[in-house]
Amino acid sequence: MSSFIIEGGRKLSGEIEPQGAKNEALQILCAVLLSPEKITINNLPDIVDINILIDLLSDLGVKIQKLSPSSYTFQSDEINLDYLTSDEFKTKGTRIRGSIMIVGPLLARFGKGYIPKPGGDKIGRRRLDTHFIGFEKLGAIFTYDSKESFYRVTTDGLKGTYMLLDEASVTGTANIVMTAVMAEGTTTIYNAACEPYLQQLCKMLNSMGAKIKGIGSNLLTIEGVDYLGGCEHTVLPDMIEIGSFIGLAAMTQSEITIKNVKYDELGVIPNVFKKLGIKLERRGDDIFVPSQESYEIENFIDGSILTISDAPWPGFTPDLLSIILVVSTQAKGSVLIHQKMFESRLFFTDKLIDMGAQIILCDPHRASVIGLDRKSPLRATRMTSPDIRAGVSLLIAALSAEGTSTIDNINQIDRGYQNIDDRLNKLGANIKRVN
């Protein structure tokens, strides 16, 4: 197990560019299975979860060529479907949650898709019902082997239909869209997720020959086609990493410029940080965060305490609530953090409390943070990263704390953040990676 040793209390400065978006890349990579033609993908992040999925595609028979550190070509003209029933696949397929999205493309193109129960962050229940109910509505037969925790869907022919999703699941919508693009007839999906990453997937599929309308809304209409061709696609910058860097700058009183952020795709993210009193400026397609000695949390118009909660897009992404919580600990004022979508994501607050933060965990979904306005800086400590986003939140806390902190289980951070220690050290941080 690897760890980070962090010397806190240092101000950072300089420019940093966000990696490609992990959550988009997972969808895009699964979509290469829909065509036998060559597909080029640019700006892929070099992180554990993406590399696991690329390895899984290779095992399935996808021909992969690395053009540069972030660009690859994929050609799925000789897929080995027998691999789906192998013991190796039943082990490898559990390593990341994103592997669930290979099922839709395989079902659409080959009439069957299998997957073991996928892994991922331990942030509470993350049900898969939306995926498989959607497949069934399109004409697939679903079976689950509870002994092996193995899911199977098969079909003799998919047919378009109307469906109202019971939740606006991003991966569920992506999986259903990738299935419906090759179903006979027209599919209408209401209450579809509409995150920028889902929009990117739909645009890529259309460039391959799919016929998807309503992109960017929660009502998608898909006219099925018989064949999808190749394309070239560039992944957006990661909005979660951009938000993490904004929070890092505020916590460490640093002056940082975040380059090439695709600002128009960030939605409410910049404004939520501004509600915490954090100053940031848009400069072209960059974000400049000046050094601030103090930042004060706004109240609502009626004077009541600010609440920041997550919601499906265009609401605030749940992946940044952990960052917001940490940043709030050194603000002036109070805020209620309401994590609606996952019931275990706030449990890392006990580590922040050990560092001196004033947080009341009301229940699994709500935490009340009393900002200390830097009058009582966080203390260095030893802690363990429970998931990707909490891990980076703890890293930000450690960089702002006085003294030397240690974060164990940093593989969780590596799953979502590319060479984060090297990149932050170039800004003046002191992070050492040790085994």
Protein backbone atom coordinates (compact mmCIF):
# COMPACT_ATOMS: atom_id res chain seq x y z
CA MET A 1 0.00 0.00 0.00
CA SER A 2 1.30 3.44 -0.92
CA SER A 3 0.99 6.63 1.12
CA PHE A 4 1.44 10.36 0.75
CA ILE A 5 3.55 12.29 3.25
CA ILE A 6 2.50 15.94 3.07
CA GLU A 7 4.22 18.95 4.55
CA GLY A 8 1.36 21.39 5.06
CA GLY A 9 1.15 25.14 5.43
CA ARG A 10 2.82 26.05 2.13
CA LYS A 11 1.35 28.59 -0.31
CA LEU A 12 1.24 27.39 -3.88
CA SER A 13 1.42 29.38 -7.10
CA GLY A 14 1.46 28.86 -10.83
CA GLU A 15 -0.59 27.27 -13.58
CA ILE A 16 -2.14 23.82 -13.74
CA GLU A 17 -4.17 22.14 -16.47
CA PRO A 18 -6.94 19.67 -15.64
CA GLN A 19 -6.77 16.13 -16.94
CA GLY A 20 -9.38 14.62 -19.23
CA ALA A 21 -12.68 13.87 -17.54
CA LYS A 22 -12.72 10.44 -15.94
CA ASN A 23 -16.51 10.05 -16.00
CA GLU A 24 -16.74 10.95 -19.67
CA ALA A 25 -13.82 8.73 -20.62
CA LEU A 26 -15.41 5.66 -19.03
CA GLN A 27 -18.51 6.10 -21.21
CA ILE A 28 -16.58 6.93 -24.39
CA LEU A 29 -14.29 3.92 -24.02
CA CYS A 30 -17.25 1.54 -23.74
CA ALA A 31 -18.78 3.07 -26.88
CA VAL A 32 -15.86 1.85 -29.03
CA LEU A 33 -17.45 -1.61 -28.86
CA LEU A 34 -20.34 -0.39 -31.04
CA SER A 35 -18.30 -0.21 -34.26
CA PRO A 36 -15.83 -2.43 -36.10
CA GLU A 37 -14.12 0.68 -37.47
CA LYS A 38 -11.19 2.57 -35.97
CA ILE A 39 -12.02 5.18 -33.31
CA THR A 40 -9.52 7.77 -32.05
CA ILE A 41 -9.94 9.24 -28.57
CA ASN A 42 -7.90 12.21 -27.34
CA ASN A 43 -7.30 13.65 -23.86
CA LEU A 44 -7.75 10.38 -21.99
CA PRO A 45 -6.52 10.69 -18.39
CA ASP A 46 -3.72 8.37 -17.29
CA ILE A 47 -5.44 7.12 -14.14
CA VAL A 48 -6.04 3.70 -12.62
CA ASP A 49 -9.73 3.33 -13.48
CA ILE A 50 -9.24 4.30 -17.13
CA ASN A 51 -6.22 2.02 -17.52
CA ILE A 52 -8.18 -0.90 -16.02
CA LEU A 53 -10.98 -0.38 -18.55
CA ILE A 54 -8.52 -0.10 -21.46
CA ASP A 55 -6.93 -3.37 -20.28
CA LEU A 56 -10.38 -4.99 -20.13
CA LEU A 57 -11.18 -3.87 -23.68
CA SER A 58 -7.87 -5.34 -24.85
CA ASP A 59 -8.74 -8.66 -23.23
CA LEU A 60 -12.05 -8.60 -25.12
CA GLY A 61 -10.13 -8.38 -28.38
CA VAL A 62 -10.19 -4.64 -29.06
CA LYS A 63 -7.10 -3.60 -31.03
CA ILE A 64 -5.53 -0.68 -29.19
CA GLN A 65 -2.74 1.63 -30.30
CA LYS A 66 -1.29 4.34 -28.07
CA LEU A 67 -0.53 7.41 -30.17
CA SER A 68 0.61 9.69 -27.32
CA PRO A 69 0.31 9.77 -23.52
CA SER A 70 -3.35 10.81 -23.85
CA SER A 71 -4.44 9.67 -27.34
CA TYR A 72 -5.37 6.14 -28.44
CA THR A 73 -7.01 4.35 -31.34
CA PHE A 74 -9.44 1.49 -30.76
CA GLN A 75 -10.78 -1.02 -33.29
CA SER A 76 -13.38 -3.59 -32.23
CA ASP A 77 -13.52 -5.72 -35.38
CA GLU A 78 -12.59 -9.02 -33.74
CA ILE A 79 -14.31 -9.21 -30.35
CA ASN A 80 -13.86 -12.44 -28.38
CA LEU A 81 -17.30 -13.00 -26.83
CA ASP A 82 -16.10 -16.22 -25.17
CA TYR A 83 -13.99 -14.05 -22.86
CA LEU A 84 -17.22 -12.84 -21.21
CA THR A 85 -17.73 -16.24 -19.58
CA SER A 86 -14.11 -16.73 -18.47
CA ASP A 87 -12.98 -16.76 -14.85
CA GLU A 88 -10.50 -14.00 -15.66
CA PHE A 89 -13.31 -11.69 -16.82
CA LYS A 90 -15.37 -12.49 -13.74
CA THR A 91 -12.46 -11.23 -11.65
CA LYS A 92 -11.30 -8.26 -13.74
CA GLY A 93 -14.80 -6.95 -14.40
CA THR A 94 -15.35 -6.27 -10.71
CA ARG A 95 -12.46 -3.83 -10.38
CA ILE A 96 -14.26 -0.68 -11.54
CA ARG A 97 -17.88 0.36 -11.60
CA GLY A 98 -17.54 1.80 -15.11
CA SER A 99 -17.25 -1.74 -16.52
CA ILE A 100 -21.05 -1.98 -16.32
CA MET A 101 -21.22 0.23 -19.43
CA ILE A 102 -19.74 -2.42 -21.72
CA VAL A 103 -23.02 -4.33 -21.42
CA GLY A 104 -25.15 -1.96 -23.52
CA PRO A 105 -22.79 -1.81 -26.52
CA LEU A 106 -22.27 -5.59 -26.48
CA LEU A 107 -26.02 -6.17 -26.27
CA ALA A 108 -26.70 -3.75 -29.13
CA ARG A 109 -24.08 -5.14 -31.49
CA PHE A 110 -23.84 -8.83 -30.57
CA GLY A 111 -27.13 -9.59 -28.83
CA LYS A 112 -25.61 -10.40 -25.45
CA GLY A 113 -23.72 -8.72 -22.66
CA TYR A 114 -22.37 -10.12 -19.40
CA ILE A 115 -20.76 -8.47 -16.38
CA PRO A 116 -19.86 -9.45 -12.82
CA LYS A 117 -21.13 -7.17 -10.06
CA PRO A 118 -18.90 -4.10 -10.56
CA GLY A 119 -16.78 -2.43 -7.90
CA GLY A 120 -15.90 1.24 -7.37
CA ASP A 121 -16.09 3.65 -4.47
CA LYS A 122 -17.63 2.53 -1.19
CA ILE A 123 -20.02 5.46 -0.89
CA GLY A 124 -23.27 3.65 -0.15
CA ARG A 125 -25.77 1.78 -2.29
CA ARG A 126 -25.37 2.30 -6.02
CA ARG A 127 -28.07 0.18 -7.57
CA LEU A 128 -28.03 -1.04 -11.16
CA ASP A 129 -31.78 -1.45 -11.62
CA THR A 130 -32.05 1.47 -14.08
CA HIS A 131 -29.60 -0.20 -16.47
CA PHE A 132 -31.30 -3.59 -16.61
CA ILE A 133 -34.88 -2.30 -16.57
CA GLY A 134 -33.93 -0.19 -19.58
CA PHE A 135 -32.45 -3.20 -21.37
CA GLU A 136 -35.62 -5.20 -20.69
CA LYS A 137 -37.82 -2.42 -22.09
CA LEU A 138 -35.78 -2.59 -25.29
CA GLY A 139 -36.46 -6.31 -25.55
CA ALA A 140 -33.59 -7.97 -23.67
CA ILE A 141 -33.91 -10.88 -21.25
CA PHE A 142 -32.15 -10.31 -17.92
CA THR A 143 -30.85 -12.99 -15.56
CA TYR A 144 -28.81 -12.71 -12.39
CA ASP A 145 -26.68 -15.49 -10.91
CA SER A 146 -26.68 -14.62 -7.20
CA LYS A 147 -24.14 -17.34 -6.43
CA GLU A 148 -21.52 -15.81 -8.72
CA SER A 149 -22.89 -12.23 -8.57
CA PHE A 150 -23.01 -12.31 -12.38
CA TYR A 151 -25.40 -10.38 -14.63
CA ARG A 152 -26.48 -11.55 -18.11
CA VAL A 153 -28.64 -9.86 -20.75
CA THR A 154 -29.48 -11.43 -24.10
CA THR A 155 -31.78 -10.60 -27.00
CA ASP A 156 -32.99 -11.93 -30.35
CA GLY A 157 -33.67 -8.36 -31.46
CA LEU A 158 -33.96 -4.99 -29.76
CA LYS A 159 -36.95 -2.74 -30.47
CA GLY A 160 -37.31 0.93 -29.72
CA THR A 161 -39.79 1.98 -27.06
CA TYR A 162 -40.78 4.76 -24.67
CA MET A 163 -39.34 4.66 -21.18
CA LEU A 164 -39.49 6.92 -18.14
CA LEU A 165 -36.39 6.31 -16.02
CA ASP A 166 -37.02 6.00 -12.29
CA GLU A 167 -33.79 7.92 -11.66
CA ALA A 168 -31.65 10.19 -13.82
CA SER A 169 -28.69 7.83 -13.57
CA VAL A 170 -25.71 9.00 -15.64
CA THR A 171 -24.22 5.56 -16.25
CA GLY A 172 -27.72 4.08 -16.59
CA THR A 173 -28.67 6.64 -19.25
CA ALA A 174 -25.36 6.12 -21.06
CA ASN A 175 -25.82 2.35 -21.11
CA ILE A 176 -29.39 2.57 -22.38
CA VAL A 177 -28.47 5.15 -25.05
CA MET A 178 -25.65 2.94 -26.32
CA THR A 179 -28.13 0.05 -26.57
CA ALA A 180 -30.94 2.03 -28.18
CA VAL A 181 -28.82 3.51 -31.00
CA MET A 182 -28.90 0.11 -32.76
CA ALA A 183 -32.42 -0.97 -31.76
CA GLU A 184 -35.10 -1.23 -34.43
CA GLY A 185 -37.40 1.81 -34.47
CA THR A 186 -37.53 4.84 -32.21
CA THR A 187 -36.65 4.99 -28.51
CA THR A 188 -37.73 7.85 -26.27
CA ILE A 189 -35.98 8.24 -22.89
CA TYR A 190 -37.57 10.63 -20.40
CA ASN A 191 -35.85 11.68 -17.17
CA ALA A 192 -32.55 11.00 -18.90
CA ALA A 193 -29.35 12.31 -17.34
CA CYS A 194 -28.07 15.35 -19.22
CA GLU A 195 -24.58 15.96 -17.76
CA PRO A 196 -22.00 17.41 -20.18
CA TYR A 197 -20.30 14.02 -20.25
CA LEU A 198 -23.53 12.33 -21.38
CA GLN A 199 -23.91 15.06 -23.99
CA GLN A 200 -20.38 14.29 -25.18
CA LEU A 201 -21.26 10.61 -25.54
CA CYS A 202 -24.36 11.44 -27.61
CA LYS A 203 -22.36 13.80 -29.86
CA MET A 204 -19.74 11.11 -30.39
CA LEU A 205 -22.41 8.51 -31.27
CA ASN A 206 -24.00 10.93 -33.73
CA SER A 207 -20.61 11.45 -35.38
CA MET A 208 -20.50 7.64 -35.78
CA GLY A 209 -23.86 7.65 -37.54
CA ALA A 210 -26.37 7.46 -34.67
CA LYS A 211 -29.53 9.60 -34.73
CA ILE A 212 -30.02 11.13 -31.28
CA LYS A 213 -32.11 14.24 -30.70
CA GLY A 214 -32.67 16.27 -27.53
CA ILE A 215 -29.01 16.28 -26.47
CA GLY A 216 -28.59 18.43 -23.36
CA SER A 217 -32.17 17.88 -22.20
CA ASN A 218 -33.77 15.14 -20.10
CA LEU A 219 -35.83 13.92 -23.09
CA LEU A 220 -33.83 11.97 -25.66
CA THR A 221 -35.25 10.60 -28.90
CA ILE A 222 -33.19 7.94 -30.66
CA GLU A 223 -33.87 6.52 -34.09
CA GLY A 224 -32.11 3.19 -34.35
CA VAL A 225 -29.56 2.49 -37.08
CA ASP A 226 -28.05 -0.75 -38.43
CA TYR A 227 -24.41 0.28 -38.39
CA LEU A 228 -22.07 2.72 -36.65
CA GLY A 229 -18.74 3.80 -38.10
CA GLY A 230 -15.51 5.23 -36.76
CA CYS A 231 -14.80 8.75 -35.50
CA GLU A 232 -12.37 10.96 -33.62
CA HIS A 233 -13.39 12.35 -30.21
CA THR A 234 -11.74 14.60 -27.62
CA VAL A 235 -12.64 14.23 -23.94
CA LEU A 236 -13.60 17.35 -21.95
CA PRO A 237 -11.42 18.56 -19.05
CA ASP A 238 -12.46 17.05 -15.73
CA MET A 239 -14.85 19.41 -13.92
CA ILE A 240 -14.25 17.57 -10.63
CA GLU A 241 -10.53 18.22 -10.84
CA ILE A 242 -11.20 21.86 -11.72
CA GLY A 243 -13.38 22.23 -8.62
CA SER A 244 -10.72 20.48 -6.55
CA PHE A 245 -8.09 23.00 -7.68
CA ILE A 246 -10.39 25.94 -6.83
CA GLY A 247 -10.83 24.51 -3.33
CA LEU A 248 -7.11 23.84 -3.00
CA ALA A 249 -6.27 27.46 -3.86
CA ALA A 250 -8.73 28.79 -1.28
CA MET A 251 -7.59 26.47 1.52
CA THR A 252 -3.87 27.14 1.01
CA GLN A 253 -4.22 30.90 0.31
CA SER A 254 -2.62 30.28 -3.07
CA GLU A 255 -2.73 32.11 -6.38
CA ILE A 256 -3.44 29.53 -9.06
CA THR A 257 -4.50 29.69 -12.70
CA ILE A 258 -6.43 26.67 -13.95
CA LYS A 259 -5.90 26.41 -17.70
CA ASN A 260 -8.27 25.37 -20.49
CA VAL A 261 -11.29 24.51 -18.34
CA LYS A 262 -14.09 24.68 -20.97
CA TYR A 263 -15.79 27.21 -18.69
CA ASP A 264 -19.16 27.06 -20.43
CA GLU A 265 -19.45 23.35 -19.54
CA LEU A 266 -18.97 23.91 -15.78
CA GLY A 267 -22.58 24.83 -15.02
CA VAL A 268 -23.15 26.07 -11.45
CA ILE A 269 -19.76 24.93 -10.15
CA PRO A 270 -18.02 28.35 -10.18
CA ASN A 271 -21.03 30.04 -8.55
CA VAL A 272 -21.20 27.49 -5.73
CA PHE A 273 -17.58 28.24 -4.80
CA LYS A 274 -18.37 31.95 -4.99
CA LYS A 275 -21.14 31.38 -2.41
CA LEU A 276 -18.40 30.30 -0.01
CA GLY A 277 -16.74 33.69 -0.56
CA ILE A 278 -14.04 32.38 -2.88
CA LYS A 279 -12.97 34.87 -5.51
CA LEU A 280 -12.33 33.55 -8.98
CA GLU A 281 -12.09 35.19 -12.37
CA ARG A 282 -12.77 33.86 -15.82
CA ARG A 283 -9.91 34.77 -18.12
CA GLY A 284 -10.80 33.50 -21.57
CA ASP A 285 -11.11 29.76 -21.01
CA ASP A 286 -8.97 29.83 -17.83
CA ILE A 287 -9.94 30.34 -14.19
CA PHE A 288 -7.74 32.58 -12.05
CA VAL A 289 -8.03 32.13 -8.28
CA PRO A 290 -6.25 34.89 -6.31
CA SER A 291 -4.71 34.41 -2.90
CA GLN A 292 -7.25 35.15 -0.12
CA GLU A 293 -6.53 35.54 3.56
CA SER A 294 -10.22 35.11 4.35
CA TYR A 295 -13.40 34.06 2.57
CA GLU A 296 -16.90 34.44 4.02
CA ILE A 297 -19.88 32.13 3.40
CA GLU A 298 -23.00 33.85 2.13
CA ASN A 299 -26.37 33.46 3.80
CA PHE A 300 -29.66 33.06 2.00
CA ILE A 301 -31.60 36.26 1.28
CA ASP A 302 -33.74 35.81 4.41
CA GLY A 303 -30.60 35.52 6.56
CA SER A 304 -30.80 31.75 7.08
CA ILE A 305 -27.74 29.49 6.91
CA LEU A 306 -26.61 28.51 3.42
CA THR A 307 -27.33 24.94 2.32
CA ILE A 308 -25.30 23.34 -0.47
CA SER A 309 -26.72 20.12 -1.83
CA ASP A 310 -26.17 17.86 -4.80
CA ALA A 311 -28.67 17.24 -7.60
CA PRO A 312 -28.79 15.76 -11.09
CA TRP A 313 -27.39 18.08 -13.76
CA PRO A 314 -27.75 21.03 -14.11
CA GLY A 315 -27.66 20.89 -10.32
CA PHE A 316 -24.42 20.69 -8.33
CA THR A 317 -22.45 17.48 -8.86
CA PRO A 318 -22.20 15.16 -5.83
CA ASP A 319 -18.53 14.50 -6.62
CA LEU A 320 -17.60 17.99 -5.38
CA LEU A 321 -19.49 18.03 -2.09
CA SER A 322 -16.51 16.51 -0.27
CA ILE A 323 -14.35 19.38 -1.55
CA ILE A 324 -16.97 21.97 -0.53
CA LEU A 325 -17.11 20.48 2.96
CA VAL A 326 -13.35 20.70 3.47
CA VAL A 327 -13.11 24.23 2.08
CA SER A 328 -15.94 25.34 4.40
CA THR A 329 -13.94 24.40 7.50
CA GLN A 330 -11.65 27.42 7.08
CA ALA A 331 -14.26 29.87 5.78
CA LYS A 332 -15.97 32.50 7.91
CA GLY A 333 -19.53 31.46 8.67
CA SER A 334 -21.58 28.27 8.65
CA VAL A 335 -23.03 26.03 5.96
CA LEU A 336 -25.14 22.87 5.82
CA ILE A 337 -23.82 20.24 3.40
CA HIS A 338 -26.62 17.95 2.18
CA GLN A 339 -25.43 14.87 0.30
CA LYS A 340 -28.69 13.50 -1.10
CA MET A 341 -27.50 10.86 -3.52
CA PHE A 342 -25.11 8.66 -1.48
CA GLU A 343 -25.47 7.77 2.17
CA SER A 344 -21.84 7.01 3.03
CA ARG A 345 -19.98 9.82 1.34
CA LEU A 346 -19.80 12.11 4.39
CA PHE A 347 -18.34 9.55 6.77
CA PHE A 348 -14.81 10.84 6.15
CA THR A 349 -15.69 13.91 8.25
CA ASP A 350 -14.41 12.14 11.38
CA LYS A 351 -10.89 12.54 9.97
CA LEU A 352 -11.43 16.28 9.54
CA ILE A 353 -12.78 16.52 13.09
CA ASP A 354 -9.57 14.84 14.28
CA MET A 355 -7.69 17.65 12.48
CA GLY A 356 -9.64 20.27 14.45
CA ALA A 357 -12.52 21.05 12.07
CA GLN A 358 -15.84 22.06 13.61
CA ILE A 359 -18.30 19.70 11.92
CA ILE A 360 -21.49 18.12 13.20
CA LEU A 361 -22.46 15.02 11.22
CA CYS A 362 -26.22 15.19 11.59
CA ASP A 363 -26.92 11.90 9.78
CA PRO A 364 -25.46 9.98 6.81
CA HIS A 365 -26.64 12.70 4.43
CA ARG A 366 -26.10 16.01 6.25
CA ALA A 367 -23.15 17.75 7.88
CA SER A 368 -23.17 21.18 9.53
CA VAL A 369 -19.84 23.00 9.18
CA ILE A 370 -18.85 25.93 11.40
CA GLY A 371 -16.13 27.82 9.58
CA LEU A 372 -13.13 28.83 11.71
CA ASP A 373 -11.97 31.75 9.50
CA ARG A 374 -8.42 30.35 9.81
CA LYS A 375 -8.31 31.29 13.51
CA SER A 376 -7.76 27.62 14.34
CA PRO A 377 -5.82 26.00 11.47
CA LEU A 378 -6.24 22.29 10.85
CA ARG A 379 -3.73 20.01 12.58
CA ALA A 380 -1.58 17.47 10.79
CA THR A 381 -2.51 13.83 11.34
CA ARG A 382 -2.45 10.35 9.80
CA MET A 383 -5.50 9.24 7.86
CA THR A 384 -6.73 6.77 5.24
CA SER A 385 -8.39 7.61 1.93
CA PRO A 386 -11.81 5.89 1.78
CA ASP A 387 -12.72 6.86 -1.81
CA ILE A 388 -11.51 9.03 -4.68
CA ARG A 389 -13.19 12.32 -3.78
CA ALA A 390 -12.76 12.04 -0.02
CA GLY A 391 -9.11 11.17 -0.62
CA VAL A 392 -8.43 14.39 -2.53
CA SER A 393 -10.43 16.35 0.05
CA LEU A 394 -8.15 14.97 2.76
CA LEU A 395 -5.12 15.82 0.62
CA ILE A 396 -6.33 19.44 0.38
CA ALA A 397 -6.88 19.50 4.14
CA ALA A 398 -3.36 18.16 4.73
CA LEU A 399 -1.82 20.75 2.39
CA SER A 400 -3.45 23.52 4.43
CA ALA A 401 -2.66 22.02 7.85
CA GLU A 402 0.30 22.90 10.05
CA GLY A 403 2.86 20.11 10.24
CA THR A 404 3.33 16.81 8.41
CA SER A 405 0.37 14.56 7.56
CA THR A 406 0.22 11.04 6.12
CA ILE A 407 -2.53 9.70 3.88
CA ASP A 408 -2.66 5.94 3.42
CA ASN A 409 -4.47 3.94 0.72
CA ILE A 410 -3.70 6.56 -1.93
CA ASN A 411 -4.56 4.04 -4.65
CA GLN A 412 -8.06 5.44 -4.19
CA ILE A 413 -6.78 8.89 -5.18
CA ASP A 414 -4.80 7.47 -8.12
CA ARG A 415 -8.02 5.94 -9.45
CA GLY A 416 -9.29 9.42 -10.32
CA TYR A 417 -6.40 11.91 -10.31
CA GLN A 418 -3.45 11.73 -12.69
CA ASN A 419 -0.01 12.12 -11.04
CA ILE A 420 -1.58 14.49 -8.54
CA ASP A 421 1.52 14.60 -6.33
CA ASP A 422 3.90 15.56 -9.16
CA ARG A 423 1.51 18.16 -10.57
CA LEU A 424 0.93 19.86 -7.20
CA ASN A 425 4.63 19.73 -6.32
CA LYS A 426 5.27 21.83 -9.43
CA LEU A 427 3.08 24.49 -7.81
CA GLY A 428 5.17 24.43 -4.64
CA ALA A 429 3.57 21.64 -2.63
CA ASN A 430 5.68 19.13 -0.71
CA ILE A 431 4.10 15.71 -1.26
CA LYS A 432 6.16 12.53 -1.08
CA ARG A 433 4.89 9.16 -2.30
CA VAL A 434 6.15 6.21 -0.23
CA ASN A 435 5.41 2.49 0.00
